Amino acid sequence: MNGLRFRNKLLEQRFAAVEQHTVFISGVVVKEIIVKGFLAEITKICSDRSRGDIGLVYEDFHLAIKHLATFKLLPYTSDAEAIYRTFKTAKLKGMDGRIAAHALALDFVLVTQNVRDFEDIPGLSVEDWTA
């Protein structure tokens, strides 16, 4: 279900090469991982809408919590929300828009494998550490 079980060596090398105090995770990203990822999958399995292995999902969930705890958490702010509300395209009206707005509000680089969805946002610096 997630990338924790299938780790990317380039990402690990890049992460190890930066000063750890300069790496953060947005509260929006944590919400997306937990709620839209794990809790949604657990709900599907429990309601028989998925034949996934609930034991593996819970194992990955516990791994995710462990890994997420290694990052400094950045709470989503009203400044970020104000930027989000300026976005006009439907593509940016969801979680990706809030993630982008959060990075813009703090003038941070957004690290993602999903560069395509963020590359057209003016002023946003985006990097893919897996390529």
Protein backbone atom coordinates (compact mmCIF):
# COMPACT_ATOMS: atom_id res chain seq x y z
CA MET A 1 0.00 0.00 0.00
CA ASN A 2 2.78 2.46 0.73
CA GLY A 3 6.43 2.98 0.00
CA LEU A 4 7.74 1.90 3.40
CA ARG A 5 7.94 -1.73 2.43
CA PHE A 6 9.55 -0.87 -0.93
CA ARG A 7 12.28 1.62 -0.04
CA ASN A 8 14.07 3.78 -2.57
CA LYS A 9 17.87 3.80 -2.26
CA LEU A 10 18.27 7.20 -3.97
CA LEU A 11 15.80 8.76 -1.56
CA GLU A 12 17.60 7.23 1.41
CA GLN A 13 20.98 8.51 0.16
CA ARG A 14 19.63 12.00 -0.46
CA PHE A 15 17.96 12.10 2.94
CA ALA A 16 21.17 10.96 4.64
CA ALA A 17 23.16 13.67 2.82
CA VAL A 18 21.17 16.62 4.19
CA GLU A 19 21.28 18.07 7.66
CA GLN A 20 18.39 16.42 9.48
CA HIS A 21 17.33 19.66 11.18
CA THR A 22 16.47 21.03 7.70
CA VAL A 23 13.95 18.30 6.85
CA PHE A 24 10.32 18.71 7.87
CA ILE A 25 6.96 17.15 7.16
CA SER A 26 3.73 19.05 6.74
CA GLY A 27 0.79 18.20 8.96
CA VAL A 28 -1.22 18.02 5.73
CA VAL A 29 1.03 15.22 4.46
CA VAL A 30 0.71 13.33 7.74
CA LYS A 31 -3.08 13.62 7.53
CA GLU A 32 -3.04 12.36 3.94
CA ILE A 33 -0.86 9.36 4.85
CA ILE A 34 -2.88 8.41 7.91
CA VAL A 35 -6.47 9.28 6.98
CA LYS A 36 -6.61 8.96 3.21
CA GLY A 37 -4.10 6.12 3.16
CA PHE A 38 -4.13 3.76 6.07
CA LEU A 39 -7.47 4.47 7.69
CA ALA A 40 -9.23 4.38 4.32
CA GLU A 41 -7.64 1.03 3.48
CA ILE A 42 -8.43 -0.44 6.91
CA THR A 43 -12.05 0.71 6.55
CA LYS A 44 -12.32 -0.92 3.10
CA ILE A 45 -10.92 -4.22 4.38
CA CYS A 46 -13.18 -4.22 7.45
CA SER A 47 -16.26 -3.51 5.33
CA ASP A 48 -15.34 -6.25 2.83
CA ARG A 49 -14.77 -3.76 -0.01
CA SER A 50 -11.16 -4.91 -0.30
CA ARG A 51 -9.43 -8.25 -0.08
CA GLY A 52 -6.25 -6.66 1.30
CA ASP A 53 -4.29 -8.26 4.10
CA ILE A 54 -5.27 -6.29 7.20
CA GLY A 55 -2.26 -7.62 9.10
CA LEU A 56 0.10 -6.17 6.49
CA VAL A 57 -1.79 -2.89 6.45
CA TYR A 58 -1.48 -2.57 10.22
CA GLU A 59 2.18 -3.54 10.03
CA ASP A 60 2.77 -0.81 7.44
CA PHE A 61 0.72 1.61 9.54
CA HIS A 62 2.97 0.99 12.54
CA LEU A 63 6.07 1.43 10.34
CA ALA A 64 4.65 4.69 9.02
CA ILE A 65 4.06 6.04 12.52
CA LYS A 66 7.64 5.11 13.44
CA HIS A 67 9.06 6.82 10.34
CA LEU A 68 6.84 9.89 10.60
CA ALA A 69 8.05 10.41 14.16
CA THR A 70 11.58 10.96 12.83
CA PHE A 71 10.52 14.19 11.06
CA LYS A 72 9.90 17.59 12.56
CA LEU A 73 6.18 18.20 12.14
CA LEU A 74 5.08 21.54 10.69
CA PRO A 75 1.54 22.48 11.64
CA TYR A 76 -0.58 23.85 8.80
CA THR A 77 -1.09 27.59 9.29
CA SER A 78 -3.61 30.27 8.39
CA ASP A 79 -0.89 31.85 6.20
CA ALA A 80 -0.71 28.63 4.20
CA GLU A 81 -4.50 28.50 3.99
CA ALA A 82 -4.59 32.07 2.65
CA ILE A 83 -2.23 31.03 -0.15
CA TYR A 84 -4.29 27.90 -0.81
CA ARG A 85 -7.43 30.01 -1.26
CA THR A 86 -5.73 31.91 -4.12
CA PHE A 87 -5.36 28.76 -6.22
CA LYS A 88 -7.83 28.70 -9.10
CA THR A 89 -7.40 25.30 -10.75
CA ALA A 90 -9.32 22.24 -9.64
CA LYS A 91 -6.04 20.30 -9.54
CA LEU A 92 -4.87 22.49 -6.66
CA LYS A 93 -8.10 22.50 -4.69
CA GLY A 94 -7.32 19.28 -2.84
CA MET A 95 -4.57 18.01 -0.59
CA ASP A 96 -1.85 18.76 -3.16
CA GLY A 97 -2.88 22.41 -3.11
CA ARG A 98 -2.60 22.59 0.65
CA ILE A 99 0.78 20.86 0.56
CA ALA A 100 2.01 23.36 -2.04
CA ALA A 101 0.57 26.32 -0.13
CA HIS A 102 2.30 25.15 3.05
CA ALA A 103 5.68 24.97 1.28
CA LEU A 104 5.11 28.38 -0.31
CA ALA A 105 4.11 29.99 3.00
CA LEU A 106 7.40 28.87 4.54
CA ASP A 107 9.51 29.35 1.38
CA PHE A 108 10.54 25.68 1.60
CA VAL A 109 11.46 23.22 -1.14
CA LEU A 110 8.77 20.59 -1.67
CA VAL A 111 10.25 17.09 -2.03
CA THR A 112 7.94 14.70 -3.86
CA GLN A 113 7.89 11.93 -6.46
CA ASN A 114 4.82 13.64 -7.85
CA VAL A 115 6.65 16.59 -9.47
CA ARG A 116 4.18 16.86 -12.35
CA ASP A 117 1.31 17.98 -10.12
CA PHE A 118 3.39 20.76 -8.57
CA GLU A 119 5.73 22.00 -11.31
CA ASP A 120 3.43 24.73 -12.68
CA ILE A 121 2.90 26.52 -9.38
CA PRO A 122 4.61 29.93 -9.51
CA GLY A 123 7.28 30.40 -6.86
CA LEU A 124 7.26 26.79 -5.66
CA SER A 125 10.55 24.90 -5.66
CA VAL A 126 10.03 21.17 -6.20
CA GLU A 127 12.56 18.33 -6.11
CA ASP A 128 12.26 14.58 -6.67
CA TRP A 129 14.82 12.79 -4.52
CA THR A 130 13.92 9.38 -5.98
CA ALA A 131 15.12 10.02 -9.54
